[in-house]
């Protein structure tokens, strides 16, 4: 059974043995956590135009979104002189924020193992100093401290980097799925005529036919 009362002491011990690199990794972990929360929020389409974020997510996750386009979106597109430009602007509003943030999140995550490797190098330097002729009277203490720093920082970098990379990759796949579904919806809306065009196609000479009756 885990004794949670010893966790603060264990963390303090890790911070003491891990050195300054351990604190850098902890700060990086908070930055990655904030970036992932921001990405999760962005994939929920908070800046969705015309429809609510919930309506957009439901529409994009529909098996046939082109057949379930809300009247409000149809009305907006029918009033636009250029449907392609309007749909491109909607896509920008929906996905631009997350597309900007994914590279930064992956950059932070990839930095975690590298900073852990920096701690490995720092610990090895400390180990070599312990084995040098100018070492202190008890070199084994310096050697063990260097090895401990190398192992702790390497392990911490991997513990931070691997799970967060998996989470970020899952969020990226979710984002890519929404973008793909929107692209299919966009193609269907561009190929189908708008409401006004449909009415004109149904009765292309409505006014002339009415006048010919009198």
N, C-alpha and C. Protein backbone atom coordinates (compact mmCIF):
# COMPACT_ATOMS: atom_id res chain seq x y z
N UNK A 1 0.84 -1.20 0.00
CA UNK A 1 0.00 0.00 0.00
C UNK A 1 0.88 1.25 0.00
N UNK A 2 0.50 2.22 -0.80
CA UNK A 2 1.30 3.44 -0.93
C UNK A 2 1.07 4.34 0.28
N UNK A 3 2.15 4.80 0.85
CA UNK A 3 2.08 5.73 1.97
C UNK A 3 2.22 7.15 1.40
N UNK A 4 1.08 7.83 1.27
CA UNK A 4 1.10 9.16 0.65
C UNK A 4 1.78 10.21 1.52
N UNK A 5 1.95 9.92 2.79
CA UNK A 5 2.59 10.90 3.67
C UNK A 5 4.07 11.06 3.36
N UNK A 6 4.66 10.07 2.68
CA UNK A 6 6.09 10.14 2.37
C UNK A 6 6.37 10.81 1.02
N UNK A 7 5.30 11.13 0.26
CA UNK A 7 5.50 11.69 -1.08
C UNK A 7 6.25 13.02 -1.03
N UNK A 8 5.88 13.98 -0.15
CA UNK A 8 6.65 15.24 -0.12
C UNK A 8 8.13 15.02 0.17
N UNK A 9 8.45 14.10 1.08
CA UNK A 9 9.86 13.84 1.38
C UNK A 9 10.58 13.22 0.19
N UNK A 10 9.89 12.34 -0.55
CA UNK A 10 10.50 11.73 -1.73
C UNK A 10 10.75 12.77 -2.82
N UNK A 11 9.79 13.68 -3.00
CA UNK A 11 9.97 14.74 -4.00
C UNK A 11 11.13 15.65 -3.62
N UNK A 12 11.22 15.98 -2.33
CA UNK A 12 12.33 16.81 -1.87
C UNK A 12 13.67 16.10 -2.08
N UNK A 13 13.68 14.79 -1.87
CA UNK A 13 14.91 14.03 -2.08
C UNK A 13 15.30 14.00 -3.56
N UNK A 14 14.30 13.82 -4.44
CA UNK A 14 14.57 13.85 -5.88
C UNK A 14 15.08 15.21 -6.33
N UNK A 15 14.49 16.27 -5.79
CA UNK A 15 14.93 17.62 -6.15
C UNK A 15 16.36 17.87 -5.68
N UNK A 16 16.70 17.32 -4.49
CA UNK A 16 18.05 17.53 -3.97
C UNK A 16 19.08 16.76 -4.78
N UNK A 17 18.76 15.53 -5.18
CA UNK A 17 19.71 14.70 -5.90
C UNK A 17 19.71 15.01 -7.40
N UNK A 18 18.59 15.49 -7.93
CA UNK A 18 18.51 15.77 -9.36
C UNK A 18 19.17 17.06 -9.77
N UNK A 19 19.40 17.95 -8.84
CA UNK A 19 20.08 19.20 -9.16
C UNK A 19 19.19 20.18 -9.91
N UNK A 20 19.83 21.16 -10.52
CA UNK A 20 19.08 22.23 -11.18
C UNK A 20 18.33 21.71 -12.42
N UNK A 21 18.81 20.64 -13.03
CA UNK A 21 18.12 20.09 -14.20
C UNK A 21 16.75 19.56 -13.81
N UNK A 22 16.64 18.99 -12.62
CA UNK A 22 15.35 18.48 -12.16
C UNK A 22 14.33 19.61 -12.06
N UNK A 23 14.75 20.76 -11.54
CA UNK A 23 13.83 21.90 -11.44
C UNK A 23 13.44 22.41 -12.83
N UNK A 24 14.38 22.37 -13.77
CA UNK A 24 14.06 22.77 -15.15
C UNK A 24 13.02 21.82 -15.75
N UNK A 25 13.15 20.53 -15.46
CA UNK A 25 12.18 19.56 -15.97
C UNK A 25 10.81 19.75 -15.34
N UNK A 26 10.77 20.08 -14.07
CA UNK A 26 9.48 20.33 -13.40
C UNK A 26 8.81 21.56 -14.01
N UNK A 27 9.58 22.62 -14.24
CA UNK A 27 9.01 23.81 -14.89
C UNK A 27 8.51 23.48 -16.29
N UNK A 28 9.28 22.68 -17.02
CA UNK A 28 8.86 22.27 -18.37
C UNK A 28 7.59 21.43 -18.31
N UNK A 29 7.46 20.59 -17.29
CA UNK A 29 6.26 19.75 -17.16
C UNK A 29 5.02 20.62 -16.98
N UNK A 30 5.12 21.69 -16.21
CA UNK A 30 3.97 22.60 -16.05
C UNK A 30 3.66 23.29 -17.38
N UNK A 31 4.68 23.68 -18.13
CA UNK A 31 4.44 24.28 -19.44
C UNK A 31 3.77 23.33 -20.40
N UNK A 32 4.19 22.07 -20.40
CA UNK A 32 3.57 21.07 -21.27
C UNK A 32 2.13 20.83 -20.86
N UNK A 33 1.89 20.76 -19.56
CA UNK A 33 0.51 20.55 -19.09
C UNK A 33 -0.40 21.69 -19.54
N UNK A 34 0.09 22.92 -19.43
CA UNK A 34 -0.71 24.06 -19.89
C UNK A 34 -0.95 23.99 -21.39
N UNK A 35 0.08 23.61 -22.16
CA UNK A 35 -0.07 23.51 -23.61
C UNK A 35 -1.08 22.43 -24.00
N UNK A 36 -1.07 21.30 -23.30
CA UNK A 36 -2.02 20.22 -23.62
C UNK A 36 -3.44 20.62 -23.25
N UNK A 37 -3.61 21.30 -22.13
CA UNK A 37 -4.95 21.77 -21.76
C UNK A 37 -5.46 22.79 -22.78
N UNK A 38 -4.56 23.64 -23.25
CA UNK A 38 -4.94 24.62 -24.27
C UNK A 38 -5.32 23.93 -25.57
N UNK A 39 -4.59 22.88 -25.93
CA UNK A 39 -4.92 22.13 -27.15
C UNK A 39 -6.26 21.41 -27.01
N UNK A 40 -6.49 20.82 -25.86
CA UNK A 40 -7.78 20.14 -25.64
C UNK A 40 -8.93 21.12 -25.77
N UNK A 41 -8.75 22.32 -25.22
CA UNK A 41 -9.77 23.34 -25.34
C UNK A 41 -9.95 23.76 -26.80
N UNK A 42 -8.85 23.88 -27.55
CA UNK A 42 -8.94 24.31 -28.94
C UNK A 42 -9.63 23.28 -29.81
N UNK A 43 -9.45 21.97 -29.50
CA UNK A 43 -10.11 20.94 -30.30
C UNK A 43 -11.61 20.89 -30.05
N UNK A 44 -12.09 21.59 -29.06
CA UNK A 44 -13.54 21.67 -28.81
C UNK A 44 -14.18 22.84 -29.55
N UNK A 45 -13.39 23.49 -30.43
CA UNK A 45 -13.85 24.52 -31.35
C UNK A 45 -14.50 25.70 -30.61
N UNK A 46 -13.76 26.36 -29.71
CA UNK A 46 -14.36 27.46 -28.94
C UNK A 46 -14.68 28.69 -29.78
N UNK A 47 -13.98 28.89 -30.90
CA UNK A 47 -14.20 30.07 -31.75
C UNK A 47 -15.11 29.77 -32.93
N UNK A 48 -15.94 28.75 -32.80
CA UNK A 48 -16.79 28.33 -33.91
C UNK A 48 -17.74 29.45 -34.33
N UNK A 49 -17.78 29.80 -35.62
CA UNK A 49 -18.69 30.84 -36.09
C UNK A 49 -20.05 30.25 -36.48
N UNK A 50 -21.05 31.10 -36.52
CA UNK A 50 -22.41 30.79 -37.00
C UNK A 50 -23.12 29.82 -36.05
N UNK A 51 -22.60 28.60 -35.91
CA UNK A 51 -23.19 27.61 -35.02
C UNK A 51 -22.42 27.57 -33.71
N UNK A 52 -23.00 26.94 -32.70
CA UNK A 52 -22.31 26.77 -31.42
C UNK A 52 -21.24 25.69 -31.56
N UNK A 53 -20.24 25.68 -30.67
CA UNK A 53 -19.24 24.61 -30.74
C UNK A 53 -19.84 23.22 -30.65
N UNK A 54 -20.86 23.06 -29.81
CA UNK A 54 -21.50 21.75 -29.69
C UNK A 54 -22.18 21.35 -31.00
N UNK A 55 -22.81 22.31 -31.67
CA UNK A 55 -23.47 22.01 -32.95
C UNK A 55 -22.46 21.64 -34.02
N UNK A 56 -21.32 22.34 -34.04
CA UNK A 56 -20.29 22.01 -35.03
C UNK A 56 -19.72 20.62 -34.79
N UNK A 57 -19.44 20.28 -33.53
CA UNK A 57 -18.90 18.95 -33.24
C UNK A 57 -19.90 17.86 -33.61
N UNK A 58 -21.17 18.08 -33.30
CA UNK A 58 -22.19 17.10 -33.65
C UNK A 58 -22.33 16.97 -35.16
N UNK A 59 -22.24 18.10 -35.87
CA UNK A 59 -22.37 18.06 -37.33
C UNK A 59 -21.19 17.32 -37.96
N UNK A 60 -19.97 17.62 -37.50
CA UNK A 60 -18.80 17.00 -38.10
C UNK A 60 -18.69 15.52 -37.77
N UNK A 61 -19.24 15.10 -36.65
CA UNK A 61 -19.18 13.69 -36.28
C UNK A 61 -20.35 12.89 -36.85
N UNK A 62 -21.25 13.55 -37.57
CA UNK A 62 -22.35 12.84 -38.22
C UNK A 62 -21.80 12.03 -39.39
N UNK A 63 -22.29 10.80 -39.58
CA UNK A 63 -21.79 9.99 -40.71
C UNK A 63 -21.93 10.69 -42.07
N UNK A 64 -23.02 11.42 -42.27
CA UNK A 64 -23.22 12.16 -43.52
C UNK A 64 -23.53 13.61 -43.18
N UNK A 65 -22.49 14.41 -42.88
CA UNK A 65 -22.74 15.79 -42.43
C UNK A 65 -23.41 16.65 -43.48
N UNK A 66 -23.18 16.38 -44.76
CA UNK A 66 -23.78 17.20 -45.81
C UNK A 66 -25.30 17.09 -45.81
N UNK A 67 -25.83 15.97 -45.34
CA UNK A 67 -27.28 15.78 -45.30
C UNK A 67 -27.90 16.34 -44.02
N UNK A 68 -27.06 16.80 -43.09
CA UNK A 68 -27.58 17.29 -41.81
C UNK A 68 -27.15 18.72 -41.54
N UNK A 69 -26.90 19.49 -42.60
CA UNK A 69 -26.47 20.88 -42.43
C UNK A 69 -27.62 21.70 -41.84
N UNK A 70 -27.39 22.39 -40.72
CA UNK A 70 -28.46 23.20 -40.13
C UNK A 70 -28.91 24.33 -41.05
N UNK A 71 -30.15 24.74 -40.86
CA UNK A 71 -30.71 25.80 -41.69
C UNK A 71 -29.95 27.11 -41.52
N UNK A 72 -29.44 27.34 -40.32
CA UNK A 72 -28.71 28.58 -40.05
C UNK A 72 -27.45 28.66 -40.90
N UNK A 73 -26.74 27.55 -41.05
CA UNK A 73 -25.54 27.53 -41.88
C UNK A 73 -25.90 27.65 -43.35
N UNK A 74 -26.95 26.98 -43.77
CA UNK A 74 -27.41 27.10 -45.16
C UNK A 74 -27.79 28.54 -45.50
N UNK A 75 -28.46 29.20 -44.56
CA UNK A 75 -28.87 30.58 -44.79
C UNK A 75 -27.66 31.49 -44.91
N UNK A 76 -26.64 31.26 -44.06
CA UNK A 76 -25.43 32.08 -44.13
C UNK A 76 -24.73 31.89 -45.48
N UNK A 77 -24.63 30.67 -45.94
CA UNK A 77 -23.96 30.41 -47.22
C UNK A 77 -24.75 30.94 -48.40
N UNK A 78 -26.09 30.91 -48.30
CA UNK A 78 -26.91 31.42 -49.40
C UNK A 78 -26.78 32.93 -49.55
N UNK A 79 -26.44 33.62 -48.47
CA UNK A 79 -26.28 35.07 -48.53
C UNK A 79 -24.88 35.47 -48.99
N UNK A 80 -23.97 34.51 -49.06
CA UNK A 80 -22.58 34.82 -49.44
C UNK A 80 -22.44 34.82 -50.95
N UNK A 81 -21.70 35.79 -51.45
CA UNK A 81 -21.46 35.85 -52.90
C UNK A 81 -20.42 34.82 -53.35
N UNK A 82 -19.57 34.38 -52.43
CA UNK A 82 -18.54 33.40 -52.75
C UNK A 82 -18.56 32.33 -51.65
N UNK A 83 -19.17 31.20 -51.93
CA UNK A 83 -19.31 30.16 -50.92
C UNK A 83 -17.94 29.57 -50.53
N UNK A 84 -17.04 29.46 -51.49
CA UNK A 84 -15.72 28.89 -51.20
C UNK A 84 -14.96 29.76 -50.19
N UNK A 85 -15.04 31.08 -50.38
CA UNK A 85 -14.36 31.98 -49.45
C UNK A 85 -14.99 31.91 -48.07
N UNK A 86 -16.31 31.84 -48.02
CA UNK A 86 -17.01 31.75 -46.73
C UNK A 86 -16.64 30.46 -46.00
N UNK A 87 -16.60 29.35 -46.73
CA UNK A 87 -16.25 28.08 -46.10
C UNK A 87 -14.79 28.06 -45.65
N UNK A 88 -13.91 28.69 -46.41
CA UNK A 88 -12.51 28.78 -46.01
C UNK A 88 -12.35 29.63 -44.74
N UNK A 89 -13.13 30.69 -44.65
CA UNK A 89 -13.08 31.53 -43.45
C UNK A 89 -13.62 30.77 -42.24
N UNK A 90 -14.67 29.99 -42.43
CA UNK A 90 -15.19 29.17 -41.34
C UNK A 90 -14.14 28.16 -40.88
N UNK A 91 -13.44 27.53 -41.83
CA UNK A 91 -12.39 26.58 -41.47
C UNK A 91 -11.27 27.26 -40.68
N UNK A 92 -10.91 28.47 -41.09
CA UNK A 92 -9.87 29.20 -40.37
C UNK A 92 -10.30 29.47 -38.93
N UNK A 93 -11.55 29.89 -38.75
CA UNK A 93 -12.05 30.16 -37.41
C UNK A 93 -12.12 28.89 -36.56
N UNK A 94 -12.41 27.77 -37.19
CA UNK A 94 -12.56 26.53 -36.45
C UNK A 94 -11.22 25.93 -36.02
N UNK A 95 -10.23 25.95 -36.91
CA UNK A 95 -9.04 25.14 -36.70
C UNK A 95 -7.73 25.92 -36.60
N UNK A 96 -7.74 27.22 -36.84
CA UNK A 96 -6.48 27.97 -36.86
C UNK A 96 -5.79 27.96 -35.51
N UNK A 97 -6.55 28.08 -34.44
CA UNK A 97 -5.93 28.16 -33.11
C UNK A 97 -5.19 26.87 -32.77
N UNK A 98 -5.82 25.73 -32.97
CA UNK A 98 -5.15 24.46 -32.65
C UNK A 98 -3.98 24.19 -33.59
N UNK A 99 -4.11 24.56 -34.86
CA UNK A 99 -3.01 24.34 -35.81
C UNK A 99 -1.78 25.16 -35.43
N UNK A 100 -1.98 26.32 -34.84
CA UNK A 100 -0.85 27.14 -34.39
C UNK A 100 -0.19 26.55 -33.15
N UNK A 101 -0.96 25.89 -32.31
CA UNK A 101 -0.44 25.46 -31.01
C UNK A 101 0.20 24.07 -31.03
N UNK A 102 -0.16 23.23 -31.98
CA UNK A 102 0.41 21.88 -32.00
C UNK A 102 1.93 21.88 -32.17
N UNK A 103 2.51 22.65 -33.09
CA UNK A 103 3.98 22.63 -33.20
C UNK A 103 4.69 23.04 -31.92
N UNK A 104 4.14 24.04 -31.23
CA UNK A 104 4.75 24.50 -29.98
C UNK A 104 4.67 23.42 -28.91
N UNK A 105 3.53 22.72 -28.83
CA UNK A 105 3.37 21.66 -27.84
C UNK A 105 4.34 20.51 -28.11
N UNK A 106 4.47 20.11 -29.37
CA UNK A 106 5.40 19.04 -29.70
C UNK A 106 6.85 19.47 -29.43
N UNK A 107 7.14 20.74 -29.63
CA UNK A 107 8.49 21.24 -29.34
C UNK A 107 8.80 21.14 -27.85
N UNK A 108 7.85 21.52 -27.00
CA UNK A 108 8.05 21.41 -25.55
C UNK A 108 8.23 19.96 -25.13
N UNK A 109 7.41 19.08 -25.70
CA UNK A 109 7.48 17.67 -25.32
C UNK A 109 8.82 17.06 -25.74
N UNK A 110 9.27 17.39 -26.95
CA UNK A 110 10.54 16.83 -27.42
C UNK A 110 11.73 17.37 -26.62
N UNK A 111 11.54 18.51 -25.96
CA UNK A 111 12.64 19.07 -25.17
C UNK A 111 12.85 18.32 -23.86
N UNK A 112 11.81 17.63 -23.36
CA UNK A 112 11.93 16.96 -22.06
C UNK A 112 13.02 15.89 -22.03
N UNK A 113 13.05 14.93 -22.97
CA UNK A 113 14.15 13.95 -22.93
C UNK A 113 15.52 14.58 -23.15
N UNK A 114 15.57 15.65 -23.95
CA UNK A 114 16.86 16.30 -24.20
C UNK A 114 17.39 16.99 -22.94
N UNK A 115 16.48 17.62 -22.19
CA UNK A 115 16.92 18.22 -20.93
C UNK A 115 17.32 17.14 -19.94
N UNK A 116 16.60 16.00 -19.97
CA UNK A 116 17.01 14.88 -19.13
C UNK A 116 18.40 14.38 -19.50
N UNK A 117 18.69 14.38 -20.80
CA UNK A 117 20.03 13.99 -21.26
C UNK A 117 21.08 15.00 -20.79
N UNK A 118 20.70 16.26 -20.74
CA UNK A 118 21.62 17.27 -20.20
C UNK A 118 21.94 16.97 -18.74
N UNK A 119 20.93 16.52 -17.99
CA UNK A 119 21.19 16.11 -16.61
C UNK A 119 22.10 14.90 -16.53
N UNK A 120 21.97 14.00 -17.51
CA UNK A 120 22.87 12.85 -17.55
C UNK A 120 24.32 13.30 -17.72
N UNK A 121 24.54 14.23 -18.65
CA UNK A 121 25.89 14.74 -18.87
C UNK A 121 26.42 15.45 -17.63
N UNK A 122 25.53 16.25 -16.99
CA UNK A 122 25.95 16.96 -15.78
C UNK A 122 26.31 15.98 -14.67
N UNK A 123 25.52 14.92 -14.53
CA UNK A 123 25.83 13.92 -13.51
C UNK A 123 27.12 13.17 -13.80
N UNK A 124 27.39 12.89 -15.07
CA UNK A 124 28.63 12.21 -15.41
C UNK A 124 29.86 13.09 -15.15
N UNK A 125 29.72 14.40 -15.39
CA UNK A 125 30.81 15.31 -15.05
C UNK A 125 31.10 15.25 -13.55
N UNK A 126 30.02 15.22 -12.77
CA UNK A 126 30.21 15.15 -11.32
C UNK A 126 30.87 13.83 -10.93
N UNK A 127 30.50 12.76 -11.63
CA UNK A 127 31.11 11.46 -11.36
C UNK A 127 32.60 11.46 -11.68
N UNK A 128 32.95 12.05 -12.83
CA UNK A 128 34.37 12.10 -13.20
C UNK A 128 35.18 12.96 -12.24
N UNK A 129 34.57 14.02 -11.72
CA UNK A 129 35.28 14.82 -10.73
C UNK A 129 35.55 14.00 -9.47
N UNK A 130 34.62 13.10 -9.14
CA UNK A 130 34.80 12.27 -7.95
C UNK A 130 35.92 11.26 -8.11
N UNK A 131 36.21 10.89 -9.36
CA UNK A 131 37.29 9.92 -9.59
C UNK A 131 38.63 10.58 -9.89
N UNK A 132 38.66 11.90 -9.95
CA UNK A 132 39.90 12.60 -10.29
C UNK A 132 40.82 12.67 -9.07
N UNK A 133 42.05 13.03 -9.33
CA UNK A 133 43.04 13.09 -8.24
C UNK A 133 42.75 14.23 -7.28
N UNK A 134 42.08 15.27 -7.79
CA UNK A 134 41.80 16.42 -6.93
C UNK A 134 40.51 16.27 -6.16
N UNK A 135 39.94 15.09 -6.16
CA UNK A 135 38.65 14.89 -5.51
C UNK A 135 38.80 15.02 -4.00
N UNK A 136 37.68 15.10 -3.35
CA UNK A 136 37.66 15.24 -1.90
C UNK A 136 38.06 13.92 -1.26
N UNK A 137 38.12 13.92 0.06
CA UNK A 137 38.60 12.74 0.78
C UNK A 137 37.68 11.54 0.59
N UNK A 138 36.38 11.75 0.35
CA UNK A 138 35.43 10.65 0.18
C UNK A 138 34.86 10.71 -1.23
N UNK A 139 35.61 10.27 -2.23
CA UNK A 139 35.15 10.40 -3.62
C UNK A 139 33.91 9.58 -3.92
N UNK A 140 33.69 8.51 -3.12
CA UNK A 140 32.52 7.67 -3.40
C UNK A 140 31.22 8.45 -3.24
N UNK A 141 31.22 9.44 -2.34
CA UNK A 141 30.02 10.27 -2.16
C UNK A 141 29.76 11.12 -3.41
N UNK A 142 30.84 11.67 -3.97
CA UNK A 142 30.69 12.49 -5.18
C UNK A 142 30.27 11.62 -6.35
N UNK A 143 30.86 10.42 -6.46
CA UNK A 143 30.52 9.52 -7.55
C UNK A 143 29.06 9.09 -7.48
N UNK A 144 28.61 8.70 -6.30
CA UNK A 144 27.22 8.27 -6.14
C UNK A 144 26.25 9.42 -6.39
N UNK A 145 26.63 10.64 -5.99
CA UNK A 145 25.76 11.80 -6.24
C UNK A 145 25.66 12.08 -7.73
N UNK A 146 26.77 11.94 -8.45
CA UNK A 146 26.75 12.17 -9.89
C UNK A 146 25.91 11.13 -10.62
N UNK A 147 26.08 9.86 -10.24
CA UNK A 147 25.27 8.81 -10.86
C UNK A 147 23.80 9.00 -10.55
N UNK A 148 23.50 9.37 -9.32
CA UNK A 148 22.10 9.60 -8.93
C UNK A 148 21.49 10.73 -9.74
N UNK A 149 22.22 11.82 -9.91
CA UNK A 149 21.71 12.94 -10.71
C UNK A 149 21.47 12.52 -12.16
N UNK A 150 22.40 11.74 -12.72
CA UNK A 150 22.25 11.30 -14.11
C UNK A 150 21.01 10.42 -14.28
N UNK A 151 20.81 9.50 -13.36
CA UNK A 151 19.67 8.58 -13.48
C UNK A 151 18.35 9.29 -13.24
N UNK A 152 18.31 10.15 -12.23
CA UNK A 152 17.05 10.83 -11.89
C UNK A 152 16.60 11.74 -13.02
N UNK A 153 17.52 12.54 -13.56
CA UNK A 153 17.12 13.47 -14.61
C UNK A 153 16.74 12.74 -15.90
N UNK A 154 17.46 11.66 -16.22
CA UNK A 154 17.11 10.89 -17.41
C UNK A 154 15.72 10.28 -17.26
N UNK A 155 15.48 9.68 -16.11
CA UNK A 155 14.17 9.06 -15.86
C UNK A 155 13.06 10.10 -15.87
N UNK A 156 13.29 11.26 -15.25
CA UNK A 156 12.27 12.30 -15.20
C UNK A 156 11.96 12.82 -16.60
N UNK A 157 12.99 13.02 -17.42
CA UNK A 157 12.75 13.48 -18.78
C UNK A 157 11.91 12.51 -19.58
N UNK A 158 12.17 11.21 -19.42
CA UNK A 158 11.38 10.21 -20.14
C UNK A 158 9.97 10.10 -19.59
N UNK A 159 9.82 10.19 -18.28
CA UNK A 159 8.49 10.12 -17.67
C UNK A 159 7.62 11.29 -18.14
N UNK A 160 8.24 12.46 -18.30
CA UNK A 160 7.48 13.62 -18.79
C UNK A 160 7.22 13.50 -20.28
N UNK A 161 8.23 13.10 -21.05
CA UNK A 161 8.13 13.15 -22.50
C UNK A 161 7.23 12.10 -23.11
N UNK A 162 7.33 10.84 -22.66
CA UNK A 162 6.61 9.75 -23.32
C UNK A 162 5.09 9.87 -23.15
N UNK A 163 4.56 9.99 -21.92
CA UNK A 163 3.09 10.09 -21.79
C UNK A 163 2.51 11.33 -22.46
N UNK A 164 3.21 12.46 -22.32
CA UNK A 164 2.67 13.68 -22.92
C UNK A 164 2.71 13.63 -24.44
N UNK A 165 3.70 12.94 -25.01
CA UNK A 165 3.72 12.76 -26.46
C UNK A 165 2.52 11.93 -26.92
N UNK A 166 2.19 10.89 -26.18
CA UNK A 166 1.03 10.06 -26.52
C UNK A 166 -0.25 10.88 -26.46
N UNK A 167 -0.39 11.69 -25.41
CA UNK A 167 -1.59 12.53 -25.27
C UNK A 167 -1.68 13.54 -26.41
N UNK A 168 -0.54 14.18 -26.73
CA UNK A 168 -0.54 15.18 -27.79
C UNK A 168 -0.83 14.53 -29.14
N UNK A 169 -0.30 13.33 -29.36
CA UNK A 169 -0.57 12.63 -30.61
C UNK A 169 -2.05 12.27 -30.72
N UNK A 170 -2.67 11.90 -29.61
CA UNK A 170 -4.11 11.60 -29.62
C UNK A 170 -4.92 12.85 -29.94
N UNK A 171 -4.55 13.98 -29.33
CA UNK A 171 -5.24 15.23 -29.63
C UNK A 171 -5.05 15.63 -31.09
N UNK A 172 -3.84 15.38 -31.63
CA UNK A 172 -3.58 15.70 -33.04
C UNK A 172 -4.43 14.82 -33.96
N UNK A 173 -4.59 13.56 -33.62
CA UNK A 173 -5.43 12.68 -34.45
C UNK A 173 -6.89 13.12 -34.39
N UNK A 174 -7.32 13.57 -33.21
CA UNK A 174 -8.68 14.07 -33.09
C UNK A 174 -8.88 15.33 -33.93
N UNK A 175 -7.89 16.22 -33.88
CA UNK A 175 -7.94 17.44 -34.69
C UNK A 175 -7.95 17.11 -36.18
N UNK A 176 -7.07 16.19 -36.60
CA UNK A 176 -7.01 15.82 -38.02
C UNK A 176 -8.32 15.19 -38.49
N UNK A 177 -8.97 14.43 -37.61
CA UNK A 177 -10.25 13.82 -37.98
C UNK A 177 -11.31 14.88 -38.21
N UNK A 178 -11.34 15.91 -37.34
CA UNK A 178 -12.30 17.00 -37.52
C UNK A 178 -12.01 17.78 -38.80
N UNK A 179 -10.73 18.03 -39.09
CA UNK A 179 -10.37 18.74 -40.32
C UNK A 179 -10.78 17.93 -41.55
N UNK A 180 -10.56 16.63 -41.51
CA UNK A 180 -10.93 15.78 -42.64
C UNK A 180 -12.44 15.78 -42.85
N UNK A 181 -13.18 15.68 -41.78
CA UNK A 181 -14.65 15.69 -41.90
C UNK A 181 -15.16 17.04 -42.41
N UNK A 182 -14.50 18.12 -41.96
CA UNK A 182 -14.92 19.42 -42.47
C UNK A 182 -14.59 19.56 -43.96
N UNK A 183 -13.46 19.01 -44.38
CA UNK A 183 -13.10 19.07 -45.80
C UNK A 183 -14.14 18.34 -46.65
N UNK A 184 -14.62 17.20 -46.16
CA UNK A 184 -15.66 16.47 -46.89
C UNK A 184 -16.96 17.28 -46.93
N UNK A 185 -17.29 17.90 -45.80
CA UNK A 185 -18.50 18.74 -45.77
C UNK A 185 -18.36 19.92 -46.72
N UNK A 186 -17.18 20.54 -46.72
CA UNK A 186 -16.93 21.68 -47.60
C UNK A 186 -17.07 21.29 -49.07
N UNK A 187 -16.51 20.14 -49.43
CA UNK A 187 -16.62 19.67 -50.81
C UNK A 187 -18.07 19.41 -51.19
N UNK A 188 -18.84 18.81 -50.29
CA UNK A 188 -20.25 18.53 -50.58
C UNK A 188 -21.05 19.82 -50.73
N UNK A 189 -20.76 20.82 -49.88
CA UNK A 189 -21.50 22.08 -49.97
C UNK A 189 -21.13 22.86 -51.22
N UNK A 190 -19.88 22.75 -51.67
CA UNK A 190 -19.48 23.45 -52.89
C UNK A 190 -20.06 22.79 -54.14
N UNK A 191 -20.26 21.50 -54.09
CA UNK A 191 -20.81 20.79 -55.24
C UNK A 191 -22.32 20.91 -55.33
N UNK A 192 -22.97 21.11 -54.17
CA UNK A 192 -24.42 21.21 -54.17
C UNK A 192 -24.83 22.66 -54.35
N UNK A 193 -25.93 22.95 -55.07
CA UNK A 193 -26.38 24.33 -55.23
C UNK A 193 -26.98 24.86 -53.95
N UNK A 194 -26.91 26.16 -53.78
CA UNK A 194 -27.52 26.79 -52.62
C UNK A 194 -29.02 26.82 -52.72
N UNK A 195 -29.70 27.21 -51.63
CA UNK A 195 -31.15 27.26 -51.65
C UNK A 195 -31.71 28.16 -52.75
N UNK A 196 -31.07 29.30 -52.98
CA UNK A 196 -31.57 30.21 -54.01
C UNK A 196 -31.40 29.62 -55.39
N UNK A 197 -30.22 28.94 -55.60
CA UNK A 197 -29.99 28.33 -56.89
C UNK A 197 -30.95 27.17 -57.12
N UNK A 198 -31.30 26.44 -56.06
CA UNK A 198 -32.24 25.34 -56.20
C UNK A 198 -33.61 25.84 -56.60
N UNK A 199 -34.03 26.96 -55.99
CA UNK A 199 -35.33 27.52 -56.34
C UNK A 199 -35.35 28.00 -57.78
N UNK A 200 -34.23 28.60 -58.21
CA UNK A 200 -34.18 29.09 -59.59
C UNK A 200 -34.18 27.93 -60.57
N UNK A 201 -33.51 26.83 -60.19
CA UNK A 201 -33.48 25.68 -61.08
C UNK A 201 -34.85 25.02 -61.18
N UNK A 202 -35.62 25.08 -60.10
CA UNK A 202 -36.96 24.48 -60.13
C UNK A 202 -37.89 25.25 -61.04
N UNK A 203 -37.78 26.60 -61.07
CA UNK A 203 -38.64 27.42 -61.91
C UNK A 203 -37.80 28.51 -62.56
N UNK A 204 -36.99 28.17 -63.58
CA UNK A 204 -36.04 29.13 -64.15
C UNK A 204 -36.72 30.29 -64.84
N UNK A 205 -37.96 30.18 -65.27
CA UNK A 205 -38.65 31.27 -65.98
C UNK A 205 -39.96 31.60 -65.28
N UNK A 206 -39.89 31.69 -63.97
CA UNK A 206 -41.11 31.87 -63.19
C UNK A 206 -41.82 33.15 -63.54
N UNK A 207 -41.11 34.28 -63.66
CA UNK A 207 -41.76 35.56 -63.91
C UNK A 207 -42.36 35.59 -65.32
N UNK A 208 -41.59 35.05 -66.30
CA UNK A 208 -42.11 35.07 -67.68
C UNK A 208 -43.32 34.17 -67.82
N UNK A 209 -43.33 33.03 -67.11
CA UNK A 209 -44.48 32.14 -67.20
C UNK A 209 -45.71 32.79 -66.61
N UNK A 210 -45.50 33.54 -65.52
CA UNK A 210 -46.65 34.21 -64.92
C UNK A 210 -47.21 35.27 -65.82
N UNK A 211 -46.30 36.02 -66.51
CA UNK A 211 -46.80 37.05 -67.37
C UNK A 211 -47.50 36.47 -68.60
N UNK A 212 -47.08 35.27 -69.04
CA UNK A 212 -47.67 34.73 -70.25
C UNK A 212 -49.11 34.26 -70.05
N UNK A 213 -49.50 34.12 -68.78
CA UNK A 213 -50.87 33.71 -68.50
C UNK A 213 -51.86 34.81 -68.67
N UNK A 214 -51.39 36.04 -68.74
CA UNK A 214 -52.31 37.18 -68.82
C UNK A 214 -52.16 37.88 -70.16
